[in-house]
N, C-alpha and C. Protein backbone atom coordinates (compact mmCIF):
# COMPACT_ATOMS: atom_id res chain seq x y z
N MET A 1 -173.53 -64.73 40.46
CA MET A 1 -172.30 -64.77 41.07
C MET A 1 -171.32 -63.78 40.87
N GLN A 2 -171.88 -62.44 41.30
CA GLN A 2 -171.06 -61.22 41.17
C GLN A 2 -171.56 -60.38 42.28
N THR A 3 -170.64 -59.40 42.49
CA THR A 3 -170.79 -58.57 43.54
C THR A 3 -171.64 -57.40 42.95
N ASP A 4 -172.09 -56.53 43.65
CA ASP A 4 -172.95 -55.22 43.19
C ASP A 4 -172.24 -54.51 42.18
N ASP A 5 -170.79 -54.41 42.28
CA ASP A 5 -170.11 -53.69 41.22
C ASP A 5 -169.51 -54.51 40.07
N GLY A 6 -170.05 -55.73 39.95
CA GLY A 6 -169.74 -56.60 38.78
C GLY A 6 -168.50 -57.55 38.90
N GLN A 7 -167.94 -57.60 40.11
CA GLN A 7 -166.73 -58.45 40.14
C GLN A 7 -167.33 -59.79 40.49
N ILE A 8 -166.40 -60.84 39.98
CA ILE A 8 -166.83 -62.11 40.10
C ILE A 8 -166.68 -62.75 41.52
N THR A 9 -167.73 -63.35 42.31
CA THR A 9 -167.47 -63.71 43.69
C THR A 9 -166.76 -65.01 43.57
N GLU A 10 -166.21 -65.45 44.64
CA GLU A 10 -165.38 -66.89 44.69
C GLU A 10 -166.61 -67.78 44.83
N PRO A 11 -166.88 -68.68 43.99
CA PRO A 11 -167.76 -69.68 43.98
C PRO A 11 -167.13 -70.89 44.84
N TYR A 12 -168.00 -71.81 45.39
CA TYR A 12 -167.41 -72.93 46.23
C TYR A 12 -168.23 -74.18 45.89
N SER A 13 -167.57 -75.24 45.63
CA SER A 13 -168.09 -76.52 45.56
C SER A 13 -166.98 -77.44 45.88
N ILE A 14 -167.43 -78.56 46.58
CA ILE A 14 -166.36 -79.46 46.89
C ILE A 14 -165.82 -80.20 45.66
N SER A 15 -166.51 -79.96 44.54
CA SER A 15 -166.11 -80.54 43.37
C SER A 15 -165.52 -79.59 42.42
N ALA A 16 -164.21 -79.64 42.10
CA ALA A 16 -163.46 -78.71 41.25
C ALA A 16 -164.16 -78.33 40.09
N GLY A 17 -164.82 -79.35 39.42
CA GLY A 17 -165.52 -79.11 38.13
C GLY A 17 -166.81 -78.23 38.22
N LEU A 18 -167.28 -77.99 39.33
CA LEU A 18 -168.47 -77.29 39.56
C LEU A 18 -168.35 -76.05 40.11
N ASP A 19 -167.00 -75.46 40.42
CA ASP A 19 -166.93 -74.17 41.01
C ASP A 19 -166.54 -73.12 40.04
N TYR A 20 -166.96 -73.32 38.79
CA TYR A 20 -166.57 -72.09 37.80
C TYR A 20 -167.72 -71.24 37.63
N PRO A 21 -167.49 -69.94 37.70
CA PRO A 21 -168.51 -68.97 37.70
C PRO A 21 -169.13 -68.72 36.39
N GLY A 22 -168.67 -69.22 35.30
CA GLY A 22 -169.24 -68.67 34.00
C GLY A 22 -170.35 -69.60 33.31
N VAL A 23 -170.93 -69.14 32.43
CA VAL A 23 -172.02 -69.91 31.79
C VAL A 23 -171.56 -69.95 30.26
N GLY A 24 -171.51 -71.07 29.76
CA GLY A 24 -171.37 -71.10 28.30
C GLY A 24 -172.44 -70.81 27.46
N PRO A 25 -172.34 -70.60 26.13
CA PRO A 25 -173.40 -70.18 25.40
C PRO A 25 -174.43 -71.30 25.04
N MET A 26 -173.98 -72.64 25.04
CA MET A 26 -174.91 -73.73 24.92
C MET A 26 -175.76 -73.86 26.20
N HIS A 27 -175.25 -73.63 27.54
CA HIS A 27 -176.02 -73.69 28.52
C HIS A 27 -177.16 -72.58 28.66
N ALA A 28 -176.49 -71.38 28.33
CA ALA A 28 -177.57 -70.34 28.23
C ALA A 28 -178.64 -70.53 27.27
N HIS A 29 -178.40 -71.01 26.07
CA HIS A 29 -179.33 -71.39 25.11
C HIS A 29 -180.32 -72.47 25.67
N LEU A 30 -179.98 -73.52 26.12
CA LEU A 30 -180.79 -74.69 26.66
C LEU A 30 -181.66 -73.98 27.92
N PHE A 31 -181.11 -73.09 28.60
CA PHE A 31 -181.80 -72.56 29.70
C PHE A 31 -183.02 -71.63 29.20
N ARG A 32 -182.59 -70.83 28.21
CA ARG A 32 -183.57 -69.85 27.78
C ARG A 32 -184.70 -70.68 26.90
N SER A 33 -184.25 -71.71 26.29
CA SER A 33 -185.28 -72.44 25.44
C SER A 33 -186.23 -73.44 26.24
N LYS A 34 -185.86 -73.40 27.54
CA LYS A 34 -186.43 -74.40 28.60
C LYS A 34 -186.40 -75.81 28.33
N ARG A 35 -185.08 -76.10 27.66
CA ARG A 35 -184.69 -77.42 27.52
C ARG A 35 -183.84 -77.97 28.53
N ALA A 36 -183.50 -77.05 29.47
CA ALA A 36 -182.55 -77.57 30.63
C ALA A 36 -182.91 -76.54 31.75
N GLU A 37 -182.77 -77.26 32.94
CA GLU A 37 -183.05 -76.58 34.12
C GLU A 37 -181.77 -76.89 35.02
N PHE A 38 -181.12 -75.80 35.59
CA PHE A 38 -179.96 -75.84 36.42
C PHE A 38 -180.31 -75.73 37.83
N ILE A 39 -179.76 -76.70 38.68
CA ILE A 39 -180.19 -76.81 40.01
C ILE A 39 -179.09 -76.89 40.99
N SER A 40 -179.02 -76.18 42.04
CA SER A 40 -177.73 -76.15 42.99
C SER A 40 -178.10 -77.34 43.92
N ILE A 41 -177.18 -78.11 44.22
CA ILE A 41 -177.28 -79.15 45.22
C ILE A 41 -176.20 -79.00 46.27
N PRO A 42 -176.62 -79.03 47.55
CA PRO A 42 -175.60 -78.97 48.53
C PRO A 42 -174.63 -79.93 48.61
N ASP A 43 -173.25 -79.59 48.95
CA ASP A 43 -172.28 -80.71 48.90
C ASP A 43 -172.41 -81.90 49.71
N GLN A 44 -172.99 -81.76 50.88
CA GLN A 44 -173.29 -82.98 51.57
C GLN A 44 -174.22 -83.94 51.03
N GLU A 45 -175.29 -83.57 50.33
CA GLU A 45 -176.22 -84.48 49.51
C GLU A 45 -175.43 -85.20 48.50
N ALA A 46 -174.67 -84.39 47.75
CA ALA A 46 -173.91 -85.12 46.76
C ALA A 46 -172.77 -86.18 47.37
N MET A 47 -172.20 -85.72 48.26
CA MET A 47 -171.25 -86.72 49.05
C MET A 47 -171.97 -87.88 49.50
N ASP A 48 -173.12 -87.71 50.09
CA ASP A 48 -173.99 -88.79 50.72
C ASP A 48 -174.34 -89.79 49.41
N TRP A 49 -174.74 -89.26 48.28
CA TRP A 49 -175.11 -90.14 47.03
C TRP A 49 -173.94 -90.79 46.51
N GLY A 50 -172.66 -90.19 46.63
CA GLY A 50 -171.56 -90.90 46.15
C GLY A 50 -171.21 -91.96 46.94
N LEU A 51 -171.40 -91.96 48.24
CA LEU A 51 -171.19 -92.95 49.26
C LEU A 51 -172.27 -94.04 49.03
N THR A 52 -173.44 -93.70 48.78
CA THR A 52 -174.70 -94.65 48.59
C THR A 52 -174.35 -95.47 47.33
N LEU A 53 -173.95 -94.70 46.16
CA LEU A 53 -173.73 -95.52 45.09
C LEU A 53 -172.55 -96.49 45.03
N SER A 54 -171.62 -96.07 45.87
CA SER A 54 -170.41 -97.02 46.07
C SER A 54 -170.84 -98.16 46.84
N GLN A 55 -171.68 -97.98 47.81
CA GLN A 55 -172.08 -99.19 48.76
C GLN A 55 -173.21 -100.05 47.77
N THR A 56 -173.99 -99.51 47.17
CA THR A 56 -175.12 -100.17 46.56
C THR A 56 -174.93 -100.69 45.18
N GLU A 57 -174.19 -99.91 44.41
CA GLU A 57 -173.91 -100.14 42.94
C GLU A 57 -172.57 -100.69 42.56
N GLY A 58 -171.66 -100.33 43.67
CA GLY A 58 -170.23 -100.83 43.42
C GLY A 58 -169.55 -99.85 42.40
N ILE A 59 -170.02 -98.68 42.24
CA ILE A 59 -169.28 -97.70 41.53
C ILE A 59 -168.90 -96.53 42.31
N ILE A 60 -167.73 -95.90 41.96
CA ILE A 60 -167.45 -94.67 42.69
C ILE A 60 -167.55 -93.57 41.81
N PRO A 61 -168.72 -92.79 41.84
CA PRO A 61 -168.92 -91.66 40.97
C PRO A 61 -168.01 -90.52 41.16
N ALA A 62 -167.78 -89.78 40.18
CA ALA A 62 -167.15 -88.49 40.31
C ALA A 62 -168.02 -87.65 41.14
N ILE A 63 -167.48 -86.74 41.78
CA ILE A 63 -168.31 -85.87 42.65
C ILE A 63 -169.47 -84.98 41.81
N GLU A 64 -168.92 -84.51 40.67
CA GLU A 64 -169.84 -83.89 39.69
C GLU A 64 -171.13 -84.80 39.43
N THR A 65 -170.84 -86.17 39.21
CA THR A 65 -171.93 -87.13 38.90
C THR A 65 -172.76 -87.31 40.09
N ALA A 66 -172.15 -87.39 41.42
CA ALA A 66 -172.92 -87.42 42.48
C ALA A 66 -173.82 -86.34 42.69
N HIS A 67 -173.55 -85.11 42.34
CA HIS A 67 -174.38 -84.02 42.37
C HIS A 67 -175.61 -84.27 41.57
N ALA A 68 -175.31 -84.78 40.37
CA ALA A 68 -176.52 -85.00 39.44
C ALA A 68 -177.59 -86.23 40.11
N PHE A 69 -176.94 -87.18 40.69
CA PHE A 69 -177.81 -88.15 41.33
C PHE A 69 -178.62 -87.55 42.52
N ALA A 70 -178.07 -86.50 43.22
CA ALA A 70 -178.65 -86.05 44.44
C ALA A 70 -179.78 -85.27 44.15
N ILE A 71 -179.94 -85.05 42.86
CA ILE A 71 -181.38 -84.38 42.44
C ILE A 71 -182.63 -85.24 42.54
N LEU A 72 -182.29 -86.70 42.75
CA LEU A 72 -183.35 -87.65 42.95
C LEU A 72 -184.02 -87.47 44.29
N ASP A 73 -183.39 -86.83 45.25
CA ASP A 73 -183.97 -86.59 46.72
C ASP A 73 -184.77 -85.16 46.52
N GLU A 74 -184.68 -84.37 45.45
CA GLU A 74 -185.32 -83.18 45.42
C GLU A 74 -186.55 -83.19 44.52
N ARG A 75 -186.50 -84.00 43.66
CA ARG A 75 -187.74 -84.15 42.65
C ARG A 75 -188.32 -85.42 42.57
N SER A 76 -189.73 -85.24 42.05
CA SER A 76 -190.40 -86.48 41.84
C SER A 76 -190.63 -86.51 40.35
N PHE A 77 -190.74 -87.62 39.68
CA PHE A 77 -190.68 -87.79 38.45
C PHE A 77 -192.08 -88.59 37.96
N ASP A 78 -192.77 -88.28 37.11
CA ASP A 78 -193.95 -89.03 36.36
C ASP A 78 -193.49 -90.40 35.84
N PRO A 79 -194.09 -91.42 35.98
CA PRO A 79 -193.67 -92.69 35.34
C PRO A 79 -193.50 -92.66 33.93
N ASP A 80 -193.93 -91.54 33.17
CA ASP A 80 -193.71 -91.67 31.71
C ASP A 80 -192.54 -90.78 31.36
N GLU A 81 -191.92 -90.04 32.35
CA GLU A 81 -190.88 -89.19 32.11
C GLU A 81 -189.60 -89.97 31.92
N ILE A 82 -188.72 -89.46 30.95
CA ILE A 82 -187.37 -90.09 30.98
C ILE A 82 -186.30 -89.32 31.60
N VAL A 83 -185.70 -89.89 32.46
CA VAL A 83 -184.60 -89.19 33.15
C VAL A 83 -183.26 -89.82 32.74
N LEU A 84 -182.40 -88.89 32.28
CA LEU A 84 -181.11 -89.31 31.72
C LEU A 84 -180.01 -88.89 32.59
N PHE A 85 -179.12 -89.88 32.90
CA PHE A 85 -177.97 -89.64 33.77
C PHE A 85 -176.67 -89.90 32.92
N ASN A 86 -175.73 -88.95 32.84
CA ASN A 86 -174.48 -89.39 32.23
C ASN A 86 -173.58 -89.40 33.37
N CYS A 87 -173.19 -90.63 33.57
CA CYS A 87 -172.24 -90.96 34.68
C CYS A 87 -170.67 -90.71 34.14
N SER A 88 -170.46 -89.34 33.94
CA SER A 88 -169.09 -89.15 33.37
C SER A 88 -168.09 -88.91 34.52
N GLY A 89 -166.89 -89.03 33.98
CA GLY A 89 -165.74 -88.99 35.01
C GLY A 89 -165.62 -90.16 35.75
N ARG A 90 -164.45 -90.10 36.56
CA ARG A 90 -164.10 -91.26 37.26
C ARG A 90 -164.04 -90.78 38.81
N GLY A 91 -164.43 -91.57 39.66
CA GLY A 91 -164.55 -91.22 40.99
C GLY A 91 -163.21 -91.55 41.69
N ASP A 92 -162.48 -92.49 40.99
CA ASP A 92 -161.10 -92.69 41.77
C ASP A 92 -160.21 -91.47 41.82
N LYS A 93 -160.46 -90.68 41.05
CA LYS A 93 -159.65 -89.23 41.23
C LYS A 93 -160.13 -88.46 42.50
N ASP A 94 -161.32 -88.76 42.91
CA ASP A 94 -161.97 -88.18 44.13
C ASP A 94 -161.92 -88.88 45.47
N LEU A 95 -161.20 -89.97 45.41
CA LEU A 95 -161.18 -90.90 46.51
C LEU A 95 -160.59 -90.08 47.81
N ASP A 96 -159.60 -89.50 47.53
CA ASP A 96 -159.02 -88.55 48.82
C ASP A 96 -160.05 -87.66 49.37
N THR A 97 -160.81 -87.01 48.41
CA THR A 97 -161.89 -86.10 48.90
C THR A 97 -163.08 -86.94 49.59
N TYR A 98 -163.38 -88.06 49.15
CA TYR A 98 -164.27 -88.97 49.80
C TYR A 98 -163.80 -89.25 51.13
N ILE A 99 -162.62 -89.81 51.28
CA ILE A 99 -161.93 -90.29 52.52
C ILE A 99 -161.83 -89.13 53.47
N ASP A 100 -161.44 -88.05 53.10
CA ASP A 100 -161.33 -86.79 53.97
C ASP A 100 -162.71 -86.44 54.48
N TYR A 101 -163.71 -86.34 53.54
CA TYR A 101 -165.09 -85.99 53.92
C TYR A 101 -165.74 -86.71 54.93
N PHE A 102 -165.61 -88.25 54.67
CA PHE A 102 -166.34 -89.22 55.59
C PHE A 102 -165.25 -89.67 56.71
N LYS A 103 -164.20 -89.23 56.76
CA LYS A 103 -163.16 -89.55 57.72
C LYS A 103 -163.05 -91.01 57.79
N LEU A 104 -162.78 -91.66 56.60
CA LEU A 104 -162.64 -93.14 56.37
C LEU A 104 -161.38 -93.51 56.69
């Protein structure tokens, strides 16, 4: 996320918590040790998952959390794999974004 001359490019995500261009040392360590994989999810997929979770589970996930759930459309998991989701944050702070996005 930088230009050829090393300047930081403007990141973009509909979620304010995901548009930071830096990487913390813990994330770098987890990536290098192959204990974590970092995947980009388009905003539309995340927003669709946020709406789906609201309609089917009765929760309004934070948009950051909706990005995590959107990976379910991208990956298949073995029955013996453990997939852990941390539903952090509160979606009520994102209601205006959801309303504007879906024109509700």
